Amino acid sequence: MLVDSPPEQRAETAPAPPTRRAIRTVGLLVSVVILVLVALASIAIGAKELPLDQVWHGLFHNSGTYADVVVGERRSRTVLGLLVGAALGLSGAVLQALTRNPLADPGLLGINAGASAAVVTAITYFGVTTLSGYVWFAFFGAAVVGALVWFLGGSRGATPVRLALAGTAISAALYGYLQAVMIMDDAALGKMRFWTVGSLASATDSMIRQVLPFLVVGTVLALALARPLNAMAMGDDTARALGANLNRTRALAMAAATVLCGAATAACGPIVFVGLMVPHVVRSFTGPDLRWILPYATVLSPVLLLGADVVGRIVARPAELQVGIVTAIIGGPVFIYLVRRRRTAQL
């Protein structure tokens, strides 16, 4: 005759439910696998169809054939997309935490506007015509605007509201300057038209080497700020009680976002919605803990960017639709949905 075990023994022998930390870890590993698959698709799929054996040969050989050259260009494009996507996602997550606004993006603090204004100035007044020249002007413009927003936002007394207001005001002024210069200078308008839509098509190994140090520094700095930004999310008084240095954390967060967004914008032009959508979506299943939001955003933002780039190559064959246009088409409806959902939740 079978005898049931006591309830206490059954509870001890029953398998423990998976912890939330384990679920997050598995989810992050799955996200990495998805990123690898999307990166491989970015190399294999393009406006020009290539057999898989030629794609494989082009990845591991450099004999100079047409297929090898095409795959080499796609490889550079994919690597840049990985770096830029991660930078945009990280900068968006940091800025959302810094401003305590889950709908904030890198454009909120004027960083994109600063980079764009610097490139227009370089084209119009300094005769810069190469993308490698744009990189340094764009990064300089982003850095100057980041510092100016920090100063106007109150410097040591900066608050999320002040920073957002300063960034919005500077963005409006700079975009007015952009429109005025491009209207008066047809040559600048023609050269800026391609850069301002946001594109990975001009990726080169040289460009990657130029922006890589900034992206590495910005990524390390952003990931290191997860704990102090978590403390700040609970309010200034609580953060001080937990030992967080508010002024230093805000200054470093501004620096990280400026470096990441500035370098990404310099390399590819202003690409919208990636820094807004991915951190917001990630937060819905990781919760508010930035120790998980930041790694997830680092992995999933390139998935969105490279996926959009692949879509842009397919839908307009044999031409291409720039990735900035695709992310805008996707991001517009998603942004409206997020705003409506947030408004409904507040009612």
Protein backbone atom coordinates (compact mmCIF):
# COMPACT_ATOMS: atom_id res chain seq x y z
CA MET A 1 0.00 0.00 0.00
CA LEU A 2 1.34 3.41 -0.97
CA VAL A 3 1.65 5.98 1.74
CA ASP A 4 1.62 9.66 0.88
CA SER A 5 4.59 11.66 2.04
CA PRO A 6 4.00 14.37 4.60
CA PRO A 7 3.31 17.83 3.10
CA GLU A 8 6.62 19.11 4.45
CA GLN A 9 8.57 16.36 2.67
CA ARG A 10 6.69 16.88 -0.58
CA ALA A 11 7.51 20.62 -0.43
CA GLU A 12 11.18 19.82 0.11
CA THR A 13 11.41 17.37 -2.81
CA ALA A 14 9.40 19.50 -5.28
CA PRO A 15 11.52 21.32 -7.85
CA ALA A 16 12.03 24.97 -7.01
CA PRO A 17 10.44 27.45 -9.42
CA PRO A 18 12.93 29.34 -11.60
CA THR A 19 13.99 32.63 -10.10
CA ARG A 20 13.48 35.90 -11.90
CA ARG A 21 17.24 36.30 -12.15
CA ALA A 22 17.56 32.94 -13.92
CA ILE A 23 14.77 33.88 -16.33
CA ARG A 24 16.46 37.19 -17.12
CA THR A 25 19.78 35.43 -17.67
CA VAL A 26 18.25 32.92 -20.07
CA GLY A 27 16.45 35.75 -21.86
CA LEU A 28 19.71 37.63 -22.28
CA LEU A 29 21.41 34.54 -23.72
CA VAL A 30 18.52 34.05 -26.14
CA SER A 31 18.83 37.71 -27.13
CA VAL A 32 22.52 37.18 -27.91
CA VAL A 33 21.64 34.19 -30.13
CA ILE A 34 19.05 36.31 -31.96
CA LEU A 35 21.65 39.05 -32.44
CA VAL A 36 24.11 36.57 -33.97
CA LEU A 37 21.44 35.30 -36.37
CA VAL A 38 20.46 38.82 -37.43
CA ALA A 39 24.13 39.74 -37.93
CA LEU A 40 24.61 36.69 -40.18
CA ALA A 41 21.48 37.68 -42.11
CA SER A 42 22.89 41.18 -42.52
CA ILE A 43 25.99 39.71 -44.17
CA ALA A 44 24.14 37.18 -46.30
CA ILE A 45 21.22 39.32 -47.51
CA GLY A 46 21.48 42.48 -49.56
CA ALA A 47 20.25 44.39 -52.57
CA LYS A 48 22.46 42.08 -54.66
CA GLU A 49 21.59 38.41 -54.25
CA LEU A 50 24.54 36.09 -53.67
CA PRO A 51 24.59 32.30 -53.27
CA LEU A 52 25.38 31.14 -49.74
CA ASP A 53 28.60 29.43 -50.85
CA GLN A 54 29.89 32.76 -52.19
CA VAL A 55 28.89 34.49 -48.98
CA TRP A 56 30.78 31.86 -46.98
CA HIS A 57 33.82 32.21 -49.24
CA GLY A 58 33.73 35.98 -48.94
CA LEU A 59 33.70 35.78 -45.13
CA PHE A 60 36.86 33.75 -44.83
CA HIS A 61 38.79 34.56 -48.01
CA ASN A 62 39.90 37.73 -49.72
CA SER A 63 40.65 36.77 -53.29
CA GLY A 64 39.27 40.02 -54.70
CA THR A 65 36.29 38.57 -56.57
CA TYR A 66 33.08 40.54 -56.88
CA ALA A 67 31.33 38.39 -54.27
CA ASP A 68 34.22 38.79 -51.83
CA VAL A 69 34.13 42.57 -52.20
CA VAL A 70 30.36 42.68 -51.65
CA VAL A 71 30.58 40.46 -48.57
CA GLY A 72 33.48 42.56 -47.26
CA GLU A 73 31.36 45.70 -47.55
CA ARG A 74 28.44 43.99 -45.83
CA ARG A 75 30.75 42.80 -43.06
CA SER A 76 31.88 46.37 -42.33
CA ARG A 77 28.28 47.53 -42.53
CA THR A 78 27.20 44.83 -40.06
CA VAL A 79 29.98 45.59 -37.58
CA LEU A 80 29.13 49.29 -37.67
CA GLY A 81 25.44 48.46 -37.22
CA LEU A 82 26.28 46.34 -34.15
CA LEU A 83 28.30 49.17 -32.60
CA VAL A 84 25.90 51.98 -33.46
CA GLY A 85 22.82 50.00 -32.42
CA ALA A 86 24.34 49.21 -29.03
CA ALA A 87 25.38 52.84 -28.57
CA LEU A 88 21.91 54.19 -29.40
CA GLY A 89 20.17 51.70 -27.12
CA LEU A 90 22.53 52.36 -24.22
CA SER A 91 22.37 56.13 -24.59
CA GLY A 92 18.57 56.00 -24.74
CA ALA A 93 18.36 53.87 -21.59
CA VAL A 94 20.77 56.16 -19.72
CA LEU A 95 18.88 59.30 -20.76
CA GLN A 96 15.53 57.78 -19.77
CA ALA A 97 16.98 57.02 -16.35
CA LEU A 98 18.66 60.43 -16.08
CA THR A 99 15.53 62.42 -16.99
CA ARG A 100 13.14 59.95 -15.31
CA ASN A 101 11.18 59.97 -18.53
CA PRO A 102 10.55 56.54 -20.11
CA LEU A 103 9.77 58.21 -23.44
CA ALA A 104 13.06 60.12 -23.65
CA ASP A 105 15.54 59.46 -26.44
CA PRO A 106 19.00 60.78 -27.41
CA GLY A 107 17.43 63.63 -29.34
CA LEU A 108 15.80 65.01 -26.20
CA LEU A 109 19.02 66.64 -24.96
CA GLY A 110 19.95 68.08 -28.35
CA ILE A 111 22.83 65.70 -29.07
CA ASN A 112 21.56 64.74 -32.54
CA ALA A 113 20.93 68.40 -33.35
CA GLY A 114 24.43 69.35 -32.24
CA ALA A 115 26.03 66.71 -34.45
CA SER A 116 23.88 67.67 -37.46
CA ALA A 117 24.60 71.39 -37.04
CA ALA A 118 28.34 70.71 -36.87
CA VAL A 119 28.27 68.65 -40.08
CA VAL A 120 26.31 71.35 -41.94
CA THR A 121 28.85 73.93 -40.75
CA ALA A 122 31.71 71.72 -41.91
CA ILE A 123 30.19 71.31 -45.37
CA THR A 124 29.16 74.93 -45.86
CA TYR A 125 32.03 76.88 -44.32
CA PHE A 126 35.00 74.48 -44.24
CA GLY A 127 34.49 72.56 -47.48
CA VAL A 128 34.49 69.11 -45.84
CA THR A 129 33.21 66.53 -48.31
CA THR A 130 34.21 63.14 -46.90
CA LEU A 131 32.40 61.00 -44.35
CA SER A 132 35.63 60.58 -42.38
CA GLY A 133 35.68 64.37 -42.03
CA TYR A 134 32.04 64.44 -40.94
CA VAL A 135 32.81 62.06 -38.05
CA TRP A 136 35.00 64.47 -36.14
CA PHE A 137 32.82 67.52 -36.70
CA ALA A 138 29.70 65.59 -35.70
CA PHE A 139 31.30 64.25 -32.56
CA PHE A 140 32.59 67.72 -31.65
CA GLY A 141 29.11 69.23 -32.14
CA ALA A 142 27.51 66.55 -29.97
CA ALA A 143 30.08 67.09 -27.22
CA VAL A 144 29.65 70.88 -27.23
CA VAL A 145 25.86 70.60 -27.03
CA GLY A 146 26.10 68.01 -24.26
CA ALA A 147 28.29 70.35 -22.22
CA LEU A 148 26.02 73.32 -22.96
CA VAL A 149 22.90 71.40 -21.88
CA TRP A 150 24.66 70.43 -18.66
CA PHE A 151 25.62 74.07 -18.01
CA LEU A 152 22.18 75.52 -18.84
CA GLY A 153 20.48 72.75 -16.90
CA GLY A 154 22.10 73.97 -13.73
CA SER A 155 25.45 72.16 -13.73
CA ARG A 156 25.81 70.88 -10.15
CA GLY A 157 22.20 71.77 -9.47
CA ALA A 158 20.91 70.07 -12.61
CA THR A 159 17.58 68.30 -12.40
CA PRO A 160 15.85 66.03 -14.93
CA VAL A 161 13.34 68.75 -15.84
CA ARG A 162 16.02 71.42 -16.32
CA LEU A 163 18.12 69.13 -18.51
CA ALA A 164 15.13 68.22 -20.69
CA LEU A 165 14.07 71.87 -21.08
CA ALA A 166 17.62 72.97 -21.92
CA GLY A 167 17.98 70.18 -24.49
CA THR A 168 14.64 70.99 -26.12
CA ALA A 169 15.47 74.70 -26.40
CA ILE A 170 18.91 74.06 -27.89
CA SER A 171 17.49 71.52 -30.34
CA ALA A 172 14.92 74.01 -31.60
CA ALA A 173 17.57 76.69 -32.12
CA LEU A 174 19.99 74.34 -33.88
CA TYR A 175 17.36 72.88 -36.21
CA GLY A 176 16.38 76.43 -37.16
CA TYR A 177 20.04 77.09 -37.99
CA LEU A 178 20.16 73.87 -40.03
CA GLN A 179 17.16 74.80 -42.12
CA ALA A 180 18.45 78.33 -42.74
CA VAL A 181 21.88 77.15 -43.91
CA MET A 182 20.54 74.42 -46.18
CA ILE A 183 17.96 76.73 -47.76
CA MET A 184 20.66 79.30 -48.56
CA ASP A 185 23.23 76.76 -49.76
CA ASP A 186 22.02 74.24 -52.37
CA ALA A 187 25.33 72.37 -52.27
CA ALA A 188 25.03 71.81 -48.53
CA LEU A 189 21.45 70.66 -48.97
CA GLY A 190 22.48 68.08 -51.56
CA LYS A 191 25.31 66.70 -49.46
CA MET A 192 23.32 66.67 -46.23
CA ARG A 193 20.30 64.95 -47.73
CA PHE A 194 21.92 61.51 -47.62
CA TRP A 195 23.57 61.93 -44.22
CA THR A 196 20.54 63.26 -42.34
CA VAL A 197 18.29 60.27 -43.14
CA GLY A 198 20.65 57.93 -41.27
CA SER A 199 22.45 55.17 -43.16
CA LEU A 200 24.89 52.30 -42.69
CA ALA A 201 25.64 52.10 -46.41
CA SER A 202 28.88 54.09 -46.22
CA ALA A 203 30.44 51.96 -43.48
CA THR A 204 34.17 51.35 -43.83
CA ASP A 205 36.82 49.75 -41.67
CA SER A 206 38.46 53.16 -41.31
CA MET A 207 35.26 54.72 -39.97
CA ILE A 208 34.83 51.86 -37.51
CA ARG A 209 38.36 52.38 -36.19
CA GLN A 210 37.70 56.09 -35.72
CA VAL A 211 34.54 55.72 -33.64
CA LEU A 212 35.39 52.47 -31.83
CA PRO A 213 37.41 54.02 -28.95
CA PHE A 214 34.59 56.47 -28.15
CA LEU A 215 31.96 53.72 -28.25
CA VAL A 216 34.00 51.44 -25.98
CA VAL A 217 34.58 54.20 -23.42
CA GLY A 218 30.93 55.27 -23.51
CA THR A 219 29.70 51.68 -23.16
CA VAL A 220 31.92 50.91 -20.16
CA LEU A 221 30.92 54.17 -18.48
CA ALA A 222 27.19 53.63 -19.09
CA LEU A 223 27.23 50.06 -17.74
CA ALA A 224 29.15 51.21 -14.67
CA LEU A 225 26.39 53.72 -13.85
CA ALA A 226 23.66 51.11 -13.44
CA ARG A 227 23.72 51.05 -9.62
CA PRO A 228 23.86 54.82 -8.96
CA LEU A 229 21.16 55.44 -11.57
CA ASN A 230 19.02 52.79 -9.84
CA ALA A 231 19.43 54.73 -6.60
CA MET A 232 18.49 58.03 -8.31
CA ALA A 233 15.31 56.45 -9.67
CA MET A 234 14.01 56.23 -6.09
CA GLY A 235 14.27 60.00 -5.62
CA ASP A 236 17.06 62.38 -4.71
CA ASP A 237 16.64 62.07 -0.95
CA THR A 238 16.65 58.28 -1.02
CA ALA A 239 19.62 58.25 -3.38
CA ARG A 240 21.61 60.48 -1.02
CA ALA A 241 20.68 58.23 1.89
CA LEU A 242 22.02 55.26 -0.09
CA GLY A 243 25.31 57.07 -0.63
CA ALA A 244 24.88 58.09 -4.28
CA ASN A 245 26.62 61.24 -5.45
CA LEU A 246 23.86 62.90 -7.49
CA ASN A 247 25.95 65.56 -9.22
CA ARG A 248 28.68 63.14 -10.21
CA THR A 249 26.20 60.54 -11.44
CA ARG A 250 24.31 63.08 -13.56
CA ALA A 251 27.53 64.47 -15.01
CA LEU A 252 28.85 61.01 -15.88
CA ALA A 253 25.49 59.95 -17.32
CA MET A 254 25.46 63.06 -19.52
CA ALA A 255 29.02 62.31 -20.61
CA ALA A 256 28.24 58.66 -21.41
CA ALA A 257 25.12 59.54 -23.42
CA THR A 258 26.94 62.30 -25.29
CA VAL A 259 29.89 60.09 -26.21
CA LEU A 260 27.70 57.18 -27.30
CA CYS A 261 25.11 59.18 -29.22
CA GLY A 262 27.69 61.58 -30.65
CA ALA A 263 29.89 58.82 -32.04
CA ALA A 264 26.89 56.90 -33.41
CA THR A 265 25.43 60.00 -35.07
CA ALA A 266 28.82 60.95 -36.45
CA ALA A 267 29.22 57.57 -38.13
CA CYS A 268 25.71 57.07 -39.53
CA GLY A 269 23.76 60.31 -39.21
CA PRO A 270 20.80 60.81 -36.87
CA ILE A 271 18.88 57.52 -36.60
CA VAL A 272 15.64 57.97 -34.69
CA PHE A 273 13.52 55.79 -32.42
CA VAL A 274 16.11 53.05 -31.69
CA GLY A 275 17.16 54.73 -28.44
CA LEU A 276 13.51 55.27 -27.54
CA MET A 277 11.85 51.99 -28.44
CA VAL A 278 14.28 49.33 -27.28
CA PRO A 279 14.88 50.52 -23.67
CA HIS A 280 11.15 51.12 -23.25
CA VAL A 281 10.25 47.64 -24.53
CA VAL A 282 13.04 46.01 -22.51
CA ARG A 283 11.79 47.66 -19.33
CA SER A 284 8.43 45.93 -19.75
CA PHE A 285 9.95 42.48 -19.08
CA THR A 286 13.09 43.25 -17.04
CA GLY A 287 11.46 45.70 -14.65
CA PRO A 288 13.08 48.99 -13.64
CA ASP A 289 16.47 47.52 -12.68
CA LEU A 290 19.10 49.17 -14.90
CA ARG A 291 21.54 46.35 -14.18
CA TRP A 292 19.37 44.35 -16.57
CA ILE A 293 17.95 47.10 -18.78
CA LEU A 294 21.38 48.28 -19.94
CA PRO A 295 22.73 44.84 -21.02
CA TYR A 296 19.44 43.97 -22.73
CA ALA A 297 19.39 47.32 -24.55
CA THR A 298 23.00 46.76 -25.63
CA VAL A 299 22.07 43.44 -27.24
CA LEU A 300 18.59 44.10 -28.62
CA SER A 301 19.15 47.57 -30.10
CA PRO A 302 21.53 46.20 -32.77
CA VAL A 303 18.90 43.55 -33.51
CA LEU A 304 16.41 46.30 -34.38
CA LEU A 305 18.93 48.40 -36.31
CA LEU A 306 20.38 45.53 -38.37
CA GLY A 307 16.92 44.06 -38.91
CA ALA A 308 15.68 47.40 -40.24
CA ASP A 309 18.76 47.64 -42.46
CA VAL A 310 18.09 44.19 -43.94
CA VAL A 311 14.45 45.11 -44.56
CA GLY A 312 15.57 48.29 -46.33
CA ARG A 313 17.79 46.28 -48.68
CA ILE A 314 15.01 43.83 -49.57
CA VAL A 315 11.94 46.04 -50.09
CA ALA A 316 13.53 48.36 -52.65
CA ARG A 317 15.70 45.96 -54.68
CA PRO A 318 17.88 46.61 -56.61
CA ALA A 319 18.07 49.96 -54.76
CA GLU A 320 18.06 50.38 -50.98
CA LEU A 321 15.87 52.13 -48.43
CA GLN A 322 18.08 53.79 -45.82
CA VAL A 323 17.90 52.36 -42.33
CA GLY A 324 16.92 55.73 -40.81
CA ILE A 325 13.77 55.74 -42.96
CA VAL A 326 12.87 52.18 -41.98
CA THR A 327 13.30 52.82 -38.25
CA ALA A 328 11.17 55.97 -38.59
CA ILE A 329 8.41 54.01 -40.37
CA ILE A 330 8.50 51.36 -37.64
CA GLY A 331 9.05 53.78 -34.78
CA GLY A 332 6.22 56.20 -35.52
CA PRO A 333 3.34 53.77 -34.87
CA VAL A 334 5.22 52.17 -31.97
CA PHE A 335 5.79 55.57 -30.36
CA ILE A 336 2.09 56.44 -30.68
CA TYR A 337 1.19 53.10 -29.11
CA LEU A 338 3.59 53.64 -26.20
CA VAL A 339 2.26 57.14 -25.53
CA ARG A 340 -1.35 55.96 -25.63
CA ARG A 341 -0.61 53.00 -23.36
CA ARG A 342 1.22 55.24 -20.88
CA ARG A 343 -1.67 57.73 -20.90
CA THR A 344 -4.19 54.92 -20.34
CA ALA A 345 -2.16 53.55 -17.46
CA GLN A 346 -2.17 56.97 -15.78
CA LEU A 347 -5.97 57.36 -15.99
